[in-house]
């Protein structure tokens, strides 16, 4: 990894550690990490993952996001939308994404509305199947949205 990339990733990880406690967070995407939006500032909670997820240490990368979600559950909005528009993610990211989705089972227990949007390229069967697997493992209904 070049010195410039290392410095950029270091800044990204510093920004990620500052996530808990903020109402709105936008993390820009990199070659190895997705764009992430965590937003509880509107009428509905919005969480978005966009791009590719291949961080060197997925557990460390996603830990502050999990903490933000835990904080969100202390006073969740009546409606929450989670959008996944990932073109690729590695196995360690898959485990973390599943952990994130499982956390949202709590919203149904609190009688809150939850919508999970799973975007996939029309011919990308792998990403579609991953979403279907997450749906089956969590018993949360997904809206599968294909695009070209």
Protein backbone atom coordinates (compact mmCIF):
# COMPACT_ATOMS: atom_id res chain seq x y z
CA UNK A 1 0.00 0.00 0.00
CA UNK A 2 1.39 3.40 -0.91
CA UNK A 3 2.08 6.03 1.74
CA UNK A 4 -0.75 8.22 0.36
CA UNK A 5 -3.30 5.38 0.55
CA UNK A 6 -2.15 4.52 4.07
CA UNK A 7 -2.62 8.13 5.21
CA UNK A 8 -6.06 8.26 3.55
CA UNK A 9 -7.16 5.05 5.26
CA UNK A 10 -5.82 6.31 8.59
CA UNK A 11 -7.94 9.47 8.26
CA UNK A 12 -10.95 7.39 7.28
CA UNK A 13 -10.59 5.18 10.34
CA UNK A 14 -10.17 8.26 12.57
CA UNK A 15 -13.40 9.67 11.12
CA UNK A 16 -15.19 6.36 11.67
CA UNK A 17 -14.21 6.28 15.36
CA UNK A 18 -16.04 9.62 15.78
CA UNK A 19 -19.38 8.19 14.56
CA UNK A 20 -21.11 7.26 17.84
CA UNK A 21 -23.27 10.06 19.20
CA UNK A 22 -23.77 11.95 15.93
CA UNK A 23 -27.23 12.32 14.36
CA UNK A 24 -25.92 12.33 10.79
CA UNK A 25 -22.73 10.77 9.50
CA UNK A 26 -21.50 10.45 5.92
CA UNK A 27 -18.40 8.39 5.27
CA UNK A 28 -17.06 8.66 1.74
CA UNK A 29 -16.31 5.52 -0.19
CA UNK A 30 -12.80 4.40 -0.96
CA UNK A 31 -11.51 1.63 -3.20
CA UNK A 32 -11.87 -0.78 -0.26
CA UNK A 33 -14.70 0.62 1.82
CA UNK A 34 -18.30 1.60 1.05
CA UNK A 35 -19.94 4.96 1.31
CA UNK A 36 -21.94 4.85 4.50
CA UNK A 37 -24.71 7.20 5.57
CA UNK A 38 -26.15 7.02 9.07
CA UNK A 39 -28.95 9.51 9.54
CA UNK A 40 -31.45 10.00 12.33
CA UNK A 41 -31.95 13.72 11.68
CA UNK A 42 -35.11 13.44 9.55
CA UNK A 43 -38.57 11.98 10.00
CA UNK A 44 -37.26 8.48 9.37
CA UNK A 45 -33.96 6.84 10.14
CA UNK A 46 -31.83 6.18 7.07
CA UNK A 47 -28.84 3.91 6.81
CA UNK A 48 -27.08 3.35 3.50
CA UNK A 49 -24.17 1.23 2.31
CA UNK A 50 -22.96 1.90 -1.23
CA UNK A 51 -20.01 0.54 -3.17
CA UNK A 52 -17.49 -2.14 -2.24
CA UNK A 53 -16.65 -3.51 1.19
CA UNK A 54 -13.16 -4.99 1.49
CA UNK A 55 -11.64 -3.32 4.54
CA UNK A 56 -8.43 -4.82 5.87
CA UNK A 57 -10.11 -5.33 9.25
CA UNK A 58 -13.90 -5.48 8.79
CA UNK A 59 -14.59 -5.93 12.50
CA UNK A 60 -12.63 -2.77 13.39
CA UNK A 61 -14.12 -0.84 10.45
CA UNK A 62 -17.75 -1.70 11.29
CA UNK A 63 -17.50 -1.56 15.12
CA UNK A 64 -18.32 2.21 15.37
CA UNK A 65 -21.23 1.71 12.99
CA UNK A 66 -22.59 -1.04 15.24
CA UNK A 67 -22.18 1.32 18.22
CA UNK A 68 -24.10 4.05 16.35
CA UNK A 69 -26.89 1.54 15.66
CA UNK A 70 -26.99 0.51 19.33
CA UNK A 71 -27.33 4.19 20.27
CA UNK A 72 -30.07 4.58 17.65
CA UNK A 73 -32.08 1.81 19.30
CA UNK A 74 -32.22 3.75 22.56
CA UNK A 75 -34.63 6.16 20.86
CA UNK A 76 -35.44 4.90 17.35
CA UNK A 77 -37.59 6.84 14.94
CA UNK A 78 -40.96 5.35 14.00
CA UNK A 79 -39.66 4.31 10.58
CA UNK A 80 -36.19 3.19 9.47
CA UNK A 81 -34.93 2.45 5.96
CA UNK A 82 -31.72 0.53 5.38
CA UNK A 83 -30.35 0.47 1.84
CA UNK A 84 -27.66 -1.88 0.62
CA UNK A 85 -26.27 -1.11 -2.82
CA UNK A 86 -23.05 -3.09 -2.76
CA UNK A 87 -21.32 -4.30 -5.88
CA UNK A 88 -18.98 -6.55 -3.93
CA UNK A 89 -18.14 -7.50 -0.36
CA UNK A 90 -15.70 -9.99 1.09
CA UNK A 91 -16.45 -12.75 3.60
CA UNK A 92 -15.46 -10.73 6.67
CA UNK A 93 -17.68 -7.85 5.51
CA UNK A 94 -20.51 -10.31 4.93
CA UNK A 95 -20.32 -11.40 8.56
CA UNK A 96 -20.45 -7.79 9.73
CA UNK A 97 -23.35 -6.92 7.41
CA UNK A 98 -25.28 -9.88 8.77
CA UNK A 99 -24.58 -8.68 12.30
CA UNK A 100 -25.87 -5.21 11.35
CA UNK A 101 -29.05 -6.61 9.80
CA UNK A 102 -29.69 -8.88 12.78
CA UNK A 103 -29.57 -5.88 15.10
CA UNK A 104 -32.59 -4.45 13.31
CA UNK A 105 -34.79 -7.32 14.43
CA UNK A 106 -35.08 -5.25 17.63
CA UNK A 107 -37.11 -2.60 15.78
CA UNK A 108 -39.86 -5.07 15.02
CA UNK A 109 -39.93 -5.99 18.71
CA UNK A 110 -40.46 -2.27 19.45
CA UNK A 111 -43.31 -2.07 16.89
CA UNK A 112 -41.33 0.27 14.65
CA UNK A 113 -41.45 0.19 10.85
CA UNK A 114 -38.43 -1.26 9.10
CA UNK A 115 -37.73 -1.36 5.38
CA UNK A 116 -34.63 -3.08 4.00
CA UNK A 117 -33.77 -2.28 0.39
CA UNK A 118 -31.33 -4.60 -1.38
CA UNK A 119 -30.12 -3.23 -4.71
CA UNK A 120 -28.39 -5.41 -7.27
CA UNK A 121 -27.38 -5.23 -10.91
CA UNK A 122 -29.93 -7.03 -13.03
CA UNK A 123 -27.56 -9.86 -13.94
CA UNK A 124 -25.59 -10.07 -10.67
CA UNK A 125 -26.92 -13.31 -9.22
CA UNK A 126 -24.23 -13.44 -6.50
CA UNK A 127 -25.30 -10.16 -4.89
CA UNK A 128 -28.99 -11.09 -5.22
CA UNK A 129 -28.35 -14.49 -3.60
CA UNK A 130 -26.41 -12.83 -0.77
CA UNK A 131 -29.39 -10.60 -0.05
CA UNK A 132 -31.74 -13.57 -0.13
CA UNK A 133 -29.47 -15.41 2.29
CA UNK A 134 -29.42 -12.44 4.68
CA UNK A 135 -33.21 -12.27 4.46
CA UNK A 136 -33.53 -15.99 5.28
CA UNK A 137 -31.06 -15.80 8.17
CA UNK A 138 -32.73 -12.81 9.80
CA UNK A 139 -36.41 -13.37 8.98
CA UNK A 140 -36.60 -9.71 7.94
CA UNK A 141 -38.38 -9.07 4.66
CA UNK A 142 -36.23 -7.33 2.04
CA UNK A 143 -37.30 -5.29 -0.98
CA UNK A 144 -35.12 -6.55 -3.84
CA UNK A 145 -34.53 -3.81 -6.40
CA UNK A 146 -32.74 -4.61 -9.64
CA UNK A 147 -31.20 -2.02 -11.93
CA UNK A 148 -29.15 -1.96 -15.12
